[in-house]
Amino acid sequence: MGKANNPVNNSKPREKVSALHVIMILLGSNLMLIMAPEFGLLNSFIYIPDLYVWPATVGGLAMVFFGFKGFFKKA
């Protein structure tokens, strides 16, 4: 009696998560949460001029965008 063929493993290769991109996402989201104009946590305690708040919010959004852009890597 012959041996049965093993089923071929057709699963996709695992994807790795980049630690640098995870840190970038976390820092960007925290920056947006703290410095959001009129809703930010730091802005609710002390007044911060819009000159500093809007660039920080846009920078946090950019960090989140570029963090998710390279989040997964093929193994």
Protein backbone atom coordinates (compact mmCIF):
# COMPACT_ATOMS: atom_id res chain seq x y z
CA MET A 1 0.00 0.00 0.00
CA GLY A 2 1.44 3.37 -1.00
CA LYS A 3 1.79 6.39 1.24
CA ALA A 4 -0.73 9.18 0.92
CA ASN A 5 0.59 12.52 -0.18
CA ASN A 6 0.74 15.18 2.50
CA PRO A 7 -1.58 18.11 1.84
CA VAL A 8 0.24 21.13 0.49
CA ASN A 9 0.41 24.03 2.88
CA ASN A 10 -1.12 26.91 0.92
CA SER A 11 -1.29 29.35 3.80
CA LYS A 12 0.10 32.83 3.39
CA PRO A 13 3.44 33.65 5.02
CA ARG A 14 3.20 35.35 8.39
CA GLU A 15 3.52 39.10 8.55
CA LYS A 16 5.75 40.83 11.06
CA VAL A 17 4.76 43.99 12.86
CA SER A 18 7.42 46.67 12.96
CA ALA A 19 8.08 47.92 16.51
CA LEU A 20 9.23 51.32 15.22
CA HIS A 21 5.94 51.84 13.42
CA VAL A 22 3.95 50.81 16.51
CA ILE A 23 5.82 53.41 18.56
CA MET A 24 5.23 56.01 15.84
CA ILE A 25 1.48 55.30 15.85
CA LEU A 26 1.30 55.53 19.65
CA LEU A 27 3.27 58.79 19.82
CA GLY A 28 1.24 60.37 17.02
CA SER A 29 -2.08 59.44 18.57
CA ASN A 30 -0.97 60.71 21.99
CA LEU A 31 0.20 63.98 20.45
CA MET A 32 -3.18 64.45 18.79
CA LEU A 33 -5.05 63.52 21.99
CA ILE A 34 -3.09 65.97 24.11
CA MET A 35 -2.83 68.93 21.73
CA ALA A 36 -6.13 68.86 19.81
CA PRO A 37 -7.55 72.39 19.56
CA GLU A 38 -10.38 73.03 22.06
CA PHE A 39 -10.68 69.30 22.90
CA GLY A 40 -7.17 68.26 23.90
CA LEU A 41 -6.35 67.19 27.43
CA LEU A 42 -3.51 69.67 27.86
CA ASN A 43 -5.57 72.39 26.22
CA SER A 44 -8.35 71.92 28.77
CA PHE A 45 -5.99 72.64 31.70
CA ILE A 46 -3.97 75.53 30.32
CA TYR A 47 -4.42 77.81 27.34
CA ILE A 48 -2.09 77.01 24.46
CA PRO A 49 -2.17 79.33 21.44
CA ASP A 50 -3.31 77.97 18.10
CA LEU A 51 0.16 78.69 16.74
CA TYR A 52 1.40 75.59 18.60
CA VAL A 53 -1.73 73.45 18.68
CA TRP A 54 -2.46 73.05 14.97
CA PRO A 55 1.06 72.06 13.87
CA ALA A 56 1.23 69.51 16.71
CA THR A 57 -2.11 68.03 15.67
CA VAL A 58 -1.11 67.84 12.01
CA GLY A 59 2.25 66.34 12.99
CA GLY A 60 0.50 63.69 15.10
CA LEU A 61 -1.81 62.86 12.21
CA ALA A 62 1.19 62.53 9.88
CA MET A 63 2.94 60.24 12.36
CA VAL A 64 -0.13 58.01 12.55
CA PHE A 65 -0.45 57.93 8.75
CA PHE A 66 3.20 57.01 8.13
CA GLY A 67 3.13 54.56 11.03
CA PHE A 68 0.26 52.61 9.48
CA LYS A 69 1.86 52.84 6.04
CA GLY A 70 4.75 50.55 7.03
CA PHE A 71 3.04 48.66 9.85
CA PHE A 72 3.11 45.16 8.37
CA LYS A 73 6.15 43.51 6.77
CA LYS A 74 6.33 40.21 4.96
CA ALA A 75 8.30 37.58 6.86
